[in-house]
PDB file of N, CA and C in Angstrom:
ATOM      1  N   MET A   1     -77.432  48.454  -7.652  1.00  0.00           N
ATOM      2  CA  MET A   1     -78.093  47.920  -6.656  1.00  0.00           C
ATOM      3  C   MET A   1     -78.188  49.082  -5.506  1.00  0.00           C
ATOM      4  N   LYS A   2     -79.290  49.532  -4.856  1.00  0.00           N
ATOM      5  CA  LYS A   2     -79.461  50.680  -4.037  1.00  0.00           C
ATOM      6  C   LYS A   2     -79.068  50.113  -2.657  1.00  0.00           C
ATOM      7  N   THR A   3     -78.680  51.292  -2.175  1.00  0.00           N
ATOM      8  CA  THR A   3     -78.061  50.921  -0.292  1.00  0.00           C
ATOM      9  C   THR A   3     -78.844  50.086   0.392  1.00  0.00           C
ATOM     10  N   PRO A   4     -80.251  50.588   0.421  1.00  0.00           N
ATOM     11  CA  PRO A   4     -81.251  49.911   1.488  1.00  0.00           C
ATOM     12  C   PRO A   4     -81.170  48.476   1.016  1.00  0.00           C
ATOM     13  N   ILE A   5     -81.230  48.096  -0.380  1.00  0.00           N
ATOM     14  CA  ILE A   5     -81.318  46.699  -0.760  1.00  0.00           C
ATOM     15  C   ILE A   5     -80.060  45.924  -0.154  1.00  0.00           C
ATOM     16  N   LYS A   6     -78.968  46.725  -0.472  1.00  0.00           N
ATOM     17  CA  LYS A   6     -77.717  46.139  -0.002  1.00  0.00           C
ATOM     18  C   LYS A   6     -77.589  45.697   1.437  1.00  0.00           C
ATOM     19  N   THR A   7     -78.117  46.765   2.351  1.00  0.00           N
ATOM     20  CA  THR A   7     -78.299  46.458   3.749  1.00  0.00           C
ATOM     21  C   THR A   7     -79.070  45.308   4.162  1.00  0.00           C
ATOM     22  N   GLU A   8     -80.068  45.307   3.538  1.00  0.00           N
ATOM     23  CA  GLU A   8     -81.089  44.353   3.676  1.00  0.00           C
ATOM     24  C   GLU A   8     -80.876  42.849   3.294  1.00  0.00           C
ATOM     25  N   LEU A   9     -80.081  42.978   2.060  1.00  0.00           N
ATOM     26  CA  LEU A   9     -79.540  41.331   1.995  1.00  0.00           C
ATOM     27  C   LEU A   9     -78.326  41.187   2.742  1.00  0.00           C
ATOM     28  N   ALA A  10     -77.379  42.131   3.020  1.00  0.00           N
ATOM     29  CA  ALA A  10     -76.510  41.796   4.072  1.00  0.00           C
ATOM     30  C   ALA A  10     -76.913  41.293   5.441  1.00  0.00           C
ATOM     31  N   GLN A  11     -78.129  42.006   6.030  1.00  0.00           N
ATOM     32  CA  GLN A  11     -79.031  41.545   7.115  1.00  0.00           C
ATOM     33  C   GLN A  11     -79.261  40.017   6.849  1.00  0.00           C
ATOM     34  N   HIS A  12     -79.777  39.655   5.789  1.00  0.00           N
ATOM     35  CA  HIS A  12     -80.339  38.610   5.447  1.00  0.00           C
ATOM     36  C   HIS A  12     -79.292  37.668   5.638  1.00  0.00           C
ATOM     37  N   LEU A  13     -78.121  37.690   4.888  1.00  0.00           N
ATOM     38  CA  LEU A  13     -76.875  36.902   5.041  1.00  0.00           C
ATOM     39  C   LEU A  13     -76.243  36.591   6.628  1.00  0.00           C
ATOM     40  N   LEU A  14     -76.541  37.704   7.198  1.00  0.00           N
ATOM     41  CA  LEU A  14     -75.965  37.589   8.789  1.00  0.00           C
ATOM     42  C   LEU A  14     -76.873  36.660   9.126  1.00  0.00           C
ATOM     43  N   ASN A  15     -78.348  37.029   9.215  1.00  0.00           N
ATOM     44  CA  ASN A  15     -79.177  35.886   9.919  1.00  0.00           C
ATOM     45  C   ASN A  15     -78.570  34.596   9.324  1.00  0.00           C
ATOM     46  N   LEU A  16     -78.381  33.998   8.278  1.00  0.00           N
ATOM     47  CA  LEU A  16     -78.242  33.121   7.852  1.00  0.00           C
ATOM     48  C   LEU A  16     -76.821  32.318   8.312  1.00  0.00           C
ATOM     49  N   ILE A  17     -75.935  33.198   8.638  1.00  0.00           N
ATOM     50  CA  ILE A  17     -74.547  32.835   9.325  1.00  0.00           C
ATOM     51  C   ILE A  17     -75.103  32.377  11.020  1.00  0.00           C
ATOM     52  N   ASN A  18     -75.639  33.295  11.606  1.00  0.00           N
ATOM     53  CA  ASN A  18     -75.988  33.051  12.923  1.00  0.00           C
ATOM     54  C   ASN A  18     -76.802  31.896  12.856  1.00  0.00           C
ATOM     55  N   ASP A  19     -77.666  31.504  11.885  1.00  0.00           N
ATOM     56  CA  ASP A  19     -78.548  30.403  11.901  1.00  0.00           C
ATOM     57  C   ASP A  19     -77.706  28.798  11.500  1.00  0.00           C
ATOM     58  N   GLY A  20     -76.440  29.193  11.164  1.00  0.00           N
ATOM     59  CA  GLY A  20     -75.526  28.094  10.874  1.00  0.00           C
ATOM     60  C   GLY A  20     -75.688  27.656   9.404  1.00  0.00           C
ATOM     61  N   VAL A  21     -76.643  28.324   8.799  1.00  0.00           N
ATOM     62  CA  VAL A  21     -76.786  27.952   7.220  1.00  0.00           C
ATOM     63  C   VAL A  21     -75.772  27.973   6.248  1.00  0.00           C
ATOM     64  N   LEU A  22     -74.950  29.182   6.751  1.00  0.00           N
ATOM     65  CA  LEU A  22     -73.730  29.696   5.813  1.00  0.00           C
ATOM     66  C   LEU A  22     -72.733  29.297   6.689  1.00  0.00           C
ATOM     67  N   THR A  23     -71.777  28.422   6.264  1.00  0.00           N
ATOM     68  CA  THR A  23     -70.463  28.073   7.055  1.00  0.00           C
ATOM     69  C   THR A  23     -69.139  27.887   6.195  1.00  0.00           C
ATOM     70  N   ASP A  24     -68.156  27.721   6.690  1.00  0.00           N
ATOM     71  CA  ASP A  24     -66.755  27.698   5.990  1.00  0.00           C
ATOM     72  C   ASP A  24     -66.924  26.450   4.868  1.00  0.00           C
ATOM     73  N   GLU A  25     -67.620  25.410   5.630  1.00  0.00           N
ATOM     74  CA  GLU A  25     -67.796  24.163   4.942  1.00  0.00           C
ATOM     75  C   GLU A  25     -68.458  24.199   3.613  1.00  0.00           C
ATOM     76  N   ASN A  26     -69.464  25.180   3.338  1.00  0.00           N
ATOM     77  CA  ASN A  26     -70.212  25.366   2.224  1.00  0.00           C
ATOM     78  C   ASN A  26     -70.098  26.414   1.641  1.00  0.00           C
ATOM     79  N   ARG A  27     -68.743  26.990   1.666  1.00  0.00           N
ATOM     80  CA  ARG A  27     -68.347  28.555   1.035  1.00  0.00           C
ATOM     81  C   ARG A  27     -68.731  28.572  -0.460  1.00  0.00           C
ATOM     82  N   ASP A  28     -68.777  27.428  -1.180  1.00  0.00           N
ATOM     83  CA  ASP A  28     -68.953  27.333  -2.731  1.00  0.00           C
ATOM     84  C   ASP A  28     -70.212  27.658  -3.244  1.00  0.00           C
ATOM     85  N   ASP A  29     -71.144  27.202  -2.047  1.00  0.00           N
ATOM     86  CA  ASP A  29     -72.739  27.257  -2.138  1.00  0.00           C
ATOM     87  C   ASP A  29     -73.268  28.594  -1.186  1.00  0.00           C
ATOM     88  N   TRP A  30     -72.769  29.503  -0.738  1.00  0.00           N
ATOM     89  CA  TRP A  30     -73.278  30.538  -0.062  1.00  0.00           C
ATOM     90  C   TRP A  30     -74.661  31.040  -0.763  1.00  0.00           C
ATOM     91  N   HIS A  31     -74.178  31.545  -2.015  1.00  0.00           N
ATOM     92  CA  HIS A  31     -75.387  32.124  -2.892  1.00  0.00           C
ATOM     93  C   HIS A  31     -76.371  31.280  -3.008  1.00  0.00           C
ATOM     94  N   PHE A  32     -76.224  30.133  -3.277  1.00  0.00           N
ATOM     95  CA  PHE A  32     -77.391  29.267  -3.390  1.00  0.00           C
ATOM     96  C   PHE A  32     -78.162  29.153  -2.120  1.00  0.00           C
ATOM     97  N   HIS A  33     -77.422  28.800  -1.008  1.00  0.00           N
ATOM     98  CA  HIS A  33     -78.362  28.748   0.058  1.00  0.00           C
ATOM     99  C   HIS A  33     -78.905  30.197   0.587  1.00  0.00           C
ATOM    100  N   ALA A  34     -78.499  31.020   0.386  1.00  0.00           N
ATOM    101  CA  ALA A  34     -79.088  32.460   0.745  1.00  0.00           C
ATOM    102  C   ALA A  34     -80.199  32.823  -0.199  1.00  0.00           C
ATOM    103  N   PHE A  35     -79.921  32.648  -1.581  1.00  0.00           N
ATOM    104  CA  PHE A  35     -80.716  33.151  -2.542  1.00  0.00           C
ATOM    105  C   PHE A  35     -81.332  32.295  -3.711  1.00  0.00           C
ATOM    106  N   ASN A  36     -81.293  30.896  -3.475  1.00  0.00           N
ATOM    107  CA  ASN A  36     -81.721  30.341  -4.529  1.00  0.00           C
ATOM    108  C   ASN A  36     -82.375  28.958  -4.037  1.00  0.00           C
ATOM    109  N   GLU A  37     -81.963  28.563  -2.685  1.00  0.00           N
ATOM    110  CA  GLU A  37     -82.740  27.229  -2.065  1.00  0.00           C
ATOM    111  C   GLU A  37     -84.137  27.390  -1.993  1.00  0.00           C
ATOM    112  N   ASP A  38     -84.329  28.722  -1.525  1.00  0.00           N
ATOM    113  CA  ASP A  38     -85.569  28.839  -1.208  1.00  0.00           C
ATOM    114  C   ASP A  38     -86.077  30.518  -1.532  1.00  0.00           C
ATOM    115  N   TYR A  39     -87.194  30.787  -1.692  1.00  0.00           N
ATOM    116  CA  TYR A  39     -87.705  32.219  -2.139  1.00  0.00           C
ATOM    117  C   TYR A  39     -87.264  33.154  -0.854  1.00  0.00           C
ATOM    118  N   TYR A  40     -86.829  34.290  -1.509  1.00  0.00           N
ATOM    119  CA  TYR A  40     -86.424  35.023  -0.657  1.00  0.00           C
ATOM    120  C   TYR A  40     -87.441  35.951   0.337  1.00  0.00           C
ATOM    121  N   ILE A  41     -88.495  36.085  -0.439  1.00  0.00           N
ATOM    122  CA  ILE A  41     -89.985  36.686  -0.134  1.00  0.00           C
ATOM    123  C   ILE A  41     -91.089  35.963  -0.929  1.00  0.00           C
ATOM    124  N   ILE A  42     -92.012  35.259   0.037  1.00  0.00           N
ATOM    125  CA  ILE A  42     -93.188  34.696  -0.489  1.00  0.00           C
ATOM    126  C   ILE A  42     -94.426  35.549  -0.602  1.00  0.00           C
ATOM    127  N   GLY A  43     -95.078  35.501  -1.815  1.00  0.00           N
ATOM    128  CA  GLY A  43     -96.350  36.285  -1.660  1.00  0.00           C
ATOM    129  C   GLY A  43     -96.345  37.467  -2.602  1.00  0.00           C
ATOM    130  N   TYR A  44     -97.399  37.493  -3.637  1.00  0.00           N
ATOM    131  CA  TYR A  44     -97.440  38.337  -4.400  1.00  0.00           C
ATOM    132  C   TYR A  44     -97.687  39.868  -3.659  1.00  0.00           C
ATOM    133  N   TYR A  45     -98.484  39.898  -2.905  1.00  0.00           N
ATOM    134  CA  TYR A  45     -98.497  41.294  -2.014  1.00  0.00           C
ATOM    135  C   TYR A  45     -97.435  41.633  -1.493  1.00  0.00           C
ATOM    136  N   GLN A  46     -96.550  40.601  -0.787  1.00  0.00           N
ATOM    137  CA  GLN A  46     -95.574  41.071  -0.117  1.00  0.00           C
ATOM    138  C   GLN A  46     -94.265  41.670  -1.249  1.00  0.00           C
ATOM    139  N   CYS A  47     -94.534  40.932  -2.205  1.00  0.00           N
ATOM    140  CA  CYS A  47     -93.255  41.266  -3.157  1.00  0.00           C
ATOM    141  C   CYS A  47     -93.567  42.703  -3.860  1.00  0.00           C
ATOM    142  N   ASN A  48     -94.829  42.798  -4.071  1.00  0.00           N
ATOM    143  CA  ASN A  48     -95.447  44.229  -4.532  1.00  0.00           C
ATOM    144  C   ASN A  48     -95.259  45.167  -3.292  1.00  0.00           C
ATOM    145  N   GLN A  49     -95.111  45.135  -2.398  1.00  0.00           N
ATOM    146  CA  GLN A  49     -94.826  45.905  -1.307  1.00  0.00           C
ATOM    147  C   GLN A  49     -93.111  46.200  -1.120  1.00  0.00           C
ATOM    148  N   TRP A  50     -92.336  45.024  -1.373  1.00  0.00           N
ATOM    149  CA  TRP A  50     -91.075  45.228  -1.305  1.00  0.00           C
ATOM    150  C   TRP A  50     -90.461  46.155  -2.566  1.00  0.00           C
ATOM    151  N   LEU A  51     -91.061  45.751  -3.648  1.00  0.00           N
ATOM    152  CA  LEU A  51     -90.688  46.924  -4.848  1.00  0.00           C
ATOM    153  C   LEU A  51     -90.914  48.290  -4.444  1.00  0.00           C
ATOM    154  N   LYS A  52     -92.151  48.437  -3.617  1.00  0.00           N
ATOM    155  CA  LYS A  52     -92.635  49.750  -3.518  1.00  0.00           C
ATOM    156  C   LYS A  52     -91.743  50.274  -2.337  1.00  0.00           C
ATOM    157  N   LYS A  53     -91.477  49.682  -1.648  1.00  0.00           N
ATOM    158  CA  LYS A  53     -90.744  50.034  -0.420  1.00  0.00           C
ATOM    159  C   LYS A  53     -89.162  50.349  -0.914  1.00  0.00           C
ATOM    160  N   HIS A  54     -88.700  49.599  -1.894  1.00  0.00           N
ATOM    161  CA  HIS A  54     -87.347  50.236  -2.546  1.00  0.00           C
ATOM    162  C   HIS A  54     -87.236  50.946  -3.753  1.00  0.00           C
ATOM    163  N   ASP A  55     -88.751  51.503  -3.846  1.00  0.00           N
ATOM    164  CA  ASP A  55     -88.738  52.572  -5.036  1.00  0.00           C
ATOM    165  C   ASP A  55     -88.427  51.891  -6.413  1.00  0.00           C
ATOM    166  N   ILE A  56     -88.797  50.775  -6.889  1.00  0.00           N
ATOM    167  CA  ILE A  56     -88.231  49.945  -8.148  1.00  0.00           C
ATOM    168  C   ILE A  56     -89.562  49.853  -8.881  1.00  0.00           C
ATOM    169  N   ASP A  57     -89.694  50.432 -10.027  1.00  0.00           N
ATOM    170  CA  ASP A  57     -90.547  50.203 -10.945  1.00  0.00           C
ATOM    171  C   ASP A  57     -90.553  48.836 -11.523  1.00  0.00           C
ATOM    172  N   ALA A  58     -91.925  48.413 -11.383  1.00  0.00           N
ATOM    173  CA  ALA A  58     -91.833  46.984 -11.896  1.00  0.00           C
ATOM    174  C   ALA A  58     -91.531  46.522 -13.303  1.00  0.00           C
ATOM    175  N   PHE A  59     -91.847  47.431 -14.162  1.00  0.00           N
ATOM    176  CA  PHE A  59     -91.180  47.183 -15.632  1.00  0.00           C
ATOM    177  C   PHE A  59     -89.640  47.281 -15.504  1.00  0.00           C
ATOM    178  N   GLU A  60     -88.893  48.036 -14.831  1.00  0.00           N
ATOM    179  CA  GLU A  60     -87.686  48.384 -14.847  1.00  0.00           C
ATOM    180  C   GLU A  60     -86.989  47.000 -14.144  1.00  0.00           C
ATOM    181  N   ALA A  61     -87.714  46.395 -12.950  1.00  0.00           N
ATOM    182  CA  ALA A  61     -87.256  45.021 -12.436  1.00  0.00           C
ATOM    183  C   ALA A  61     -87.429  44.139 -13.581  1.00  0.00           C
ATOM    184  N   ILE A  62     -88.559  43.856 -14.319  1.00  0.00           N
ATOM    185  CA  ILE A  62     -88.591  42.936 -15.315  1.00  0.00           C
ATOM    186  C   ILE A  62     -87.501  43.093 -16.373  1.00  0.00           C
ATOM    187  N   GLU A  63     -87.275  44.129 -16.603  1.00  0.00           N
ATOM    188  CA  GLU A  63     -86.069  44.559 -17.824  1.00  0.00           C
ATOM    189  C   GLU A  63     -84.816  43.918 -17.354  1.00  0.00           C
ATOM    190  N   GLU A  64     -84.703  44.247 -15.778  1.00  0.00           N
ATOM    191  CA  GLU A  64     -83.259  43.808 -15.332  1.00  0.00           C
ATOM    192  C   GLU A  64     -83.270  42.267 -15.469  1.00  0.00           C
ATOM    193  N   VAL A  65     -84.286  41.495 -14.752  1.00  0.00           N
ATOM    194  CA  VAL A  65     -84.482  40.193 -14.831  1.00  0.00           C
ATOM    195  C   VAL A  65     -84.202  39.533 -16.347  1.00  0.00           C
ATOM    196  N   ILE A  66     -84.755  40.197 -17.261  1.00  0.00           N
ATOM    197  CA  ILE A  66     -84.828  39.838 -18.567  1.00  0.00           C
ATOM    198  C   ILE A  66     -83.140  39.710 -19.244  1.00  0.00           C
ATOM    199  N   ASN A  67     -82.693  41.020 -18.819  1.00  0.00           N
ATOM    200  CA  ASN A  67     -81.364  41.133 -19.264  1.00  0.00           C
ATOM    201  C   ASN A  67     -80.328  40.181 -18.645  1.00  0.00           C
ATOM    202  N   TYR A  68     -80.590  39.907 -17.441  1.00  0.00           N
ATOM    203  CA  TYR A  68     -79.562  39.336 -16.592  1.00  0.00           C
ATOM    204  C   TYR A  68     -79.723  37.718 -17.174  1.00  0.00           C
ATOM    205  N   SER A  69     -80.970  37.204 -17.263  1.00  0.00           N
ATOM    206  CA  SER A  69     -81.432  35.945 -17.569  1.00  0.00           C
ATOM    207  C   SER A  69     -80.787  35.605 -19.190  1.00  0.00           C
ATOM    208  N   GLN A  70     -80.930  36.512 -19.986  1.00  0.00           N
ATOM    209  CA  GLN A  70     -80.436  36.248 -21.444  1.00  0.00           C
ATOM    210  C   GLN A  70     -78.906  36.279 -21.435  1.00  0.00           C
ATOM    211  N   GLU A  71     -78.354  37.183 -20.478  1.00  0.00           N
ATOM    212  CA  GLU A  71     -76.787  37.223 -20.687  1.00  0.00           C
ATOM    213  C   GLU A  71     -76.173  36.096 -19.887  1.00  0.00           C
ATOM    214  N   ASN A  72     -76.972  35.582 -18.943  1.00  0.00           N
ATOM    215  CA  ASN A  72     -76.305  34.391 -18.156  1.00  0.00           C
ATOM    216  C   ASN A  72     -76.832  32.933 -18.346  1.00  0.00           C
ATOM    217  N   PHE A  73     -78.065  33.007 -18.797  1.00  0.00           N
ATOM    218  CA  PHE A  73     -78.675  31.717 -19.310  1.00  0.00           C
ATOM    219  C   PHE A  73     -79.142  31.462 -20.789  1.00  0.00           C
ATOM    220  N   GLY A  74     -78.961  32.905 -21.344  1.00  0.00           N
ATOM    221  CA  GLY A  74     -79.407  32.646 -22.900  1.00  0.00           C
ATOM    222  C   GLY A  74     -80.842  32.591 -23.219  1.00  0.00           C
ATOM    223  N   GLU A  75     -81.370  32.566 -22.183  1.00  0.00           N
ATOM    224  CA  GLU A  75     -83.040  32.822 -22.326  1.00  0.00           C
ATOM    225  C   GLU A  75     -83.682  33.418 -21.229  1.00  0.00           C
ATOM    226  N   MET A  76     -84.749  33.655 -21.335  1.00  0.00           N
ATOM    227  CA  MET A  76     -85.621  34.315 -20.074  1.00  0.00           C
ATOM    228  C   MET A  76     -86.723  33.078 -19.847  1.00  0.00           C
ATOM    229  N   SER A  77     -86.467  32.628 -18.671  1.00  0.00           N
ATOM    230  CA  SER A  77     -87.266  31.470 -18.144  1.00  0.00           C
ATOM    231  C   SER A  77     -88.168  31.876 -16.758  1.00  0.00           C
ATOM    232  N   THR A  78     -87.990  33.068 -16.369  1.00  0.00           N
ATOM    233  CA  THR A  78     -88.621  33.552 -14.830  1.00  0.00           C
ATOM    234  C   THR A  78     -89.983  33.978 -15.242  1.00  0.00           C
ATOM    235  N   ALA A  79     -90.840  33.415 -14.586  1.00  0.00           N
ATOM    236  CA  ALA A  79     -92.310  33.933 -14.721  1.00  0.00           C
ATOM    237  C   ALA A  79     -92.126  35.539 -14.485  1.00  0.00           C
ATOM    238  N   ILE A  80     -93.247  36.192 -15.197  1.00  0.00           N
ATOM    239  CA  ILE A  80     -93.733  37.434 -14.998  1.00  0.00           C
ATOM    240  C   ILE A  80     -94.643  37.634 -14.084  1.00  0.00           C
ATOM    241  N   ASN A  81     -94.465  37.587 -12.796  1.00  0.00           N
ATOM    242  CA  ASN A  81     -95.175  38.092 -11.754  1.00  0.00           C
ATOM    243  C   ASN A  81     -94.306  38.373 -10.515  1.00  0.00           C
ATOM    244  N   SER A  82     -94.964  39.505  -9.786  1.00  0.00           N
ATOM    245  CA  SER A  82     -93.973  39.949  -8.793  1.00  0.00           C
ATOM    246  C   SER A  82     -93.305  39.190  -7.739  1.00  0.00           C
ATOM    247  N   GLU A  83     -93.848  38.104  -7.448  1.00  0.00           N
ATOM    248  CA  GLU A  83     -93.211  37.163  -6.554  1.00  0.00           C
ATOM    249  C   GLU A  83     -91.731  36.465  -7.379  1.00  0.00           C
ATOM    250  N   ALA A  84     -91.743  35.934  -8.604  1.00  0.00           N
ATOM    251  CA  ALA A  84     -90.727  35.380  -9.429  1.00  0.00           C
ATOM    252  C   ALA A  84     -89.722  36.688  -9.830  1.00  0.00           C
ATOM    253  N   VAL A  85     -90.372  37.806  -9.990  1.00  0.00           N
ATOM    254  CA  VAL A  85     -89.432  38.928 -10.252  1.00  0.00           C
ATOM    255  C   VAL A  85     -88.484  39.365  -9.298  1.00  0.00           C
ATOM    256  N   VAL A  86     -89.265  39.736  -8.037  1.00  0.00           N
ATOM    257  CA  VAL A  86     -88.597  40.162  -6.662  1.00  0.00           C
ATOM    258  C   VAL A  86     -87.452  39.109  -6.437  1.00  0.00           C
ATOM    259  N   ASN A  87     -87.992  37.616  -6.430  1.00  0.00           N
ATOM    260  CA  ASN A  87     -86.880  36.521  -6.050  1.00  0.00           C
ATOM    261  C   ASN A  87     -85.629  36.564  -6.996  1.00  0.00           C
ATOM    262  N   MET A  88     -86.184  36.855  -8.242  1.00  0.00           N
ATOM    263  CA  MET A  88     -84.768  36.784  -9.153  1.00  0.00           C
ATOM    264  C   MET A  88     -83.835  37.918  -8.988  1.00  0.00           C
ATOM    265  N   LEU A  89     -84.884  39.063  -8.484  1.00  0.00           N
ATOM    266  CA  LEU A  89     -83.887  40.432  -8.316  1.00  0.00           C
ATOM    267  C   LEU A  89     -83.022  39.988  -7.004  1.00  0.00           C
ATOM    268  N   ALA A  90     -83.553  39.591  -5.987  1.00  0.00           N
ATOM    269  CA  ALA A  90     -82.782  39.230  -4.945  1.00  0.00           C
ATOM    270  C   ALA A  90     -81.596  37.999  -5.150  1.00  0.00           C
ATOM    271  N   PHE A  91     -81.890  37.353  -5.996  1.00  0.00           N
ATOM    272  CA  PHE A  91     -80.885  36.350  -6.681  1.00  0.00           C
ATOM    273  C   PHE A  91     -79.719  37.086  -7.209  1.00  0.00           C
ATOM    274  N   ILE A  92     -80.035  38.102  -8.089  1.00  0.00           N
ATOM    275  CA  ILE A  92     -79.089  38.779  -8.906  1.00  0.00           C
ATOM    276  C   ILE A  92     -78.148  39.724  -7.876  1.00  0.00           C
ATOM    277  N   TYR A  93     -79.113  40.610  -6.950  1.00  0.00           N
ATOM    278  CA  TYR A  93     -78.333  41.405  -6.037  1.00  0.00           C
ATOM    279  C   TYR A  93     -77.497  40.778  -5.138  1.00  0.00           C
ATOM    280  N   GLY A  94     -77.897  39.343  -4.643  1.00  0.00           N
ATOM    281  CA  GLY A  94     -76.923  38.663  -3.865  1.00  0.00           C
ATOM    282  C   GLY A  94     -75.968  38.009  -4.361  1.00  0.00           C
ATOM    283  N   GLU A  95     -75.862  37.815  -5.564  1.00  0.00           N
ATOM    284  CA  GLU A  95     -74.845  37.406  -6.473  1.00  0.00           C
ATOM    285  C   GLU A  95     -73.754  38.556  -6.327  1.00  0.00           C
ATOM    286  N   GLU A  96     -74.384  39.892  -6.894  1.00  0.00           N
ATOM    287  CA  GLU A  96     -73.531  41.113  -6.671  1.00  0.00           C
ATOM    288  C   GLU A  96     -72.907  41.322  -5.419  1.00  0.00           C
ATOM    289  N   LEU A  97     -73.617  41.229  -4.456  1.00  0.00           N
ATOM    290  CA  LEU A  97     -73.318  41.608  -3.249  1.00  0.00           C
ATOM    291  C   LEU A  97     -71.943  40.587  -2.796  1.00  0.00           C
ATOM    292  N   LEU A  98     -72.269  39.234  -2.648  1.00  0.00           N
ATOM    293  CA  LEU A  98     -71.191  38.272  -2.561  1.00  0.00           C
ATOM    294  C   LEU A  98     -69.941  38.646  -3.426  1.00  0.00           C
ATOM    295  N   SER A  99     -70.284  39.053  -4.548  1.00  0.00           N
ATOM    296  CA  SER A  99     -68.929  39.111  -5.480  1.00  0.00           C
ATOM    297  C   SER A  99     -68.253  40.212  -5.062  1.00  0.00           C
ATOM    298  N   GLU A 100     -68.967  41.230  -4.665  1.00  0.00           N
ATOM    299  CA  GLU A 100     -68.197  42.605  -4.203  1.00  0.00           C
ATOM    300  C   GLU A 100     -67.398  42.030  -2.776  1.00  0.00           C
ATOM    301  N   ILE A 101     -67.844  41.496  -2.019  1.00  0.00           N
ATOM    302  CA  ILE A 101     -67.321  40.960  -0.724  1.00  0.00           C
ATOM    303  C   ILE A 101     -66.035  40.011  -0.975  1.00  0.00           C
ATOM    304  N   ASP A 102     -66.467  39.107  -1.816  1.00  0.00           N
ATOM    305  CA  ASP A 102     -65.301  38.002  -2.162  1.00  0.00           C
ATOM    306  C   ASP A 102     -64.701  37.503  -0.861  1.00  0.00           C
ATOM    307  N   ALA A 103     -65.376  37.152   0.304  1.00  0.00           N
ATOM    308  CA  ALA A 103     -64.805  36.578   1.629  1.00  0.00           C
ATOM    309  C   ALA A 103     -64.336  35.254   1.175  1.00  0.00           C
ATOM    310  N   ASN A 104     -63.060  34.750   1.897  1.00  0.00           N
ATOM    311  CA  ASN A 104     -62.670  33.412   1.948  1.00  0.00           C
ATOM    312  C   ASN A 104     -62.935  32.613   3.343  1.00  0.00           C
ATOM    313  N   SER A 105     -63.755  33.324   4.249  1.00  0.00           N
ATOM    314  CA  SER A 105     -64.082  32.467   5.400  1.00  0.00           C
ATOM    315  C   SER A 105     -65.372  33.291   5.754  1.00  0.00           C
ATOM    316  N   ILE A 106     -65.987  32.458   6.454  1.00  0.00           N
ATOM    317  CA  ILE A 106     -67.378  32.849   7.234  1.00  0.00           C
ATOM    318  C   ILE A 106     -67.066  34.034   8.104  1.00  0.00           C
ATOM    319  N   GLU A 107     -65.968  34.098   8.678  1.00  0.00           N
ATOM    320  CA  GLU A 107     -65.638  35.329   9.757  1.00  0.00           C
ATOM    321  C   GLU A 107     -65.186  36.540   8.828  1.00  0.00           C
ATOM    322  N   GLU A 108     -64.603  36.347   7.877  1.00  0.00           N
ATOM    323  CA  GLU A 108     -64.438  37.407   6.700  1.00  0.00           C
ATOM    324  C   GLU A 108     -65.682  37.983   6.551  1.00  0.00           C
ATOM    325  N   LEU A 109     -66.712  37.238   5.873  1.00  0.00           N
ATOM    326  CA  LEU A 109     -67.917  37.719   5.446  1.00  0.00           C
ATOM    327  C   LEU A 109     -68.651  38.197   6.453  1.00  0.00           C
ATOM    328  N   LYS A 110     -68.668  37.740   7.722  1.00  0.00           N
ATOM    329  CA  LYS A 110     -69.497  38.302   8.799  1.00  0.00           C
ATOM    330  C   LYS A 110     -68.863  39.736   8.988  1.00  0.00           C
ATOM    331  N   ASP A 111     -67.814  39.526   9.141  1.00  0.00           N
ATOM    332  CA  ASP A 111     -67.198  41.207   9.344  1.00  0.00           C
ATOM    333  C   ASP A 111     -67.504  42.242   8.131  1.00  0.00           C
ATOM    334  N   GLU A 112     -67.583  41.805   6.913  1.00  0.00           N
ATOM    335  CA  GLU A 112     -67.984  42.687   6.096  1.00  0.00           C
ATOM    336  C   GLU A 112     -69.225  42.955   5.985  1.00  0.00           C
ATOM    337  N   LEU A 113     -70.208  41.973   6.123  1.00  0.00           N
ATOM    338  CA  LEU A 113     -71.635  42.198   6.226  1.00  0.00           C
ATOM    339  C   LEU A 113     -71.896  42.936   7.539  1.00  0.00           C
ATOM    340  N   GLN A 114     -71.396  43.076   8.551  1.00  0.00           N
ATOM    341  CA  GLN A 114     -71.654  43.915   9.608  1.00  0.00           C
ATOM    342  C   GLN A 114     -71.317  45.175   9.526  1.00  0.00           C
ATOM    343  N   GLU A 115     -70.162  45.512   8.783  1.00  0.00           N
ATOM    344  CA  GLU A 115     -69.784  47.100   8.304  1.00  0.00           C
ATOM    345  C   GLU A 115     -71.078  47.557   7.470  1.00  0.00           C
ATOM    346  N   LEU A 116     -71.564  46.549   6.577  1.00  0.00           N
ATOM    347  CA  LEU A 116     -72.702  47.051   5.665  1.00  0.00           C
ATOM    348  C   LEU A 116     -74.046  47.522   6.460  1.00  0.00           C
ATOM    349  N   VAL A 117     -74.303  46.791   7.418  1.00  0.00           N
ATOM    350  CA  VAL A 117     -75.308  46.937   8.178  1.00  0.00           C
ATOM    351  C   VAL A 117     -75.358  47.989   9.285  1.00  0.00           C
ATOM    352  N   SER A 118     -74.169  48.441   9.760  1.00  0.00           N
ATOM    353  CA  SER A 118     -74.213  49.313  10.896  1.00  0.00           C
ATOM    354  C   SER A 118     -74.011  50.639  10.286  1.00  0.00           C
TER     355      SER A 118
END
């Protein structure tokens, strides 16, 4: 995962903490609430712009989503369009980021995320 994406996702998580969406009470569901409960980015155009902003080739993004889906779900069920692929990338990268941090409390998560965005 590229550093600008990691920083962007860290800020997204911080926003969710500040909004009270992520709490100590729902620690086991942080990834779900941040990257699966709703789309990270809505709209084909916005998703295409996100790929361009982060210098991600569409075919490389699709390949990453296919590989992840097959390894974790045994099949590829994500639609092949910019919105589905970008949101699945956010899901994958968000899982990676939360796994790297491995925080046990919301304060610990917040501290780690603030280091990433500063």
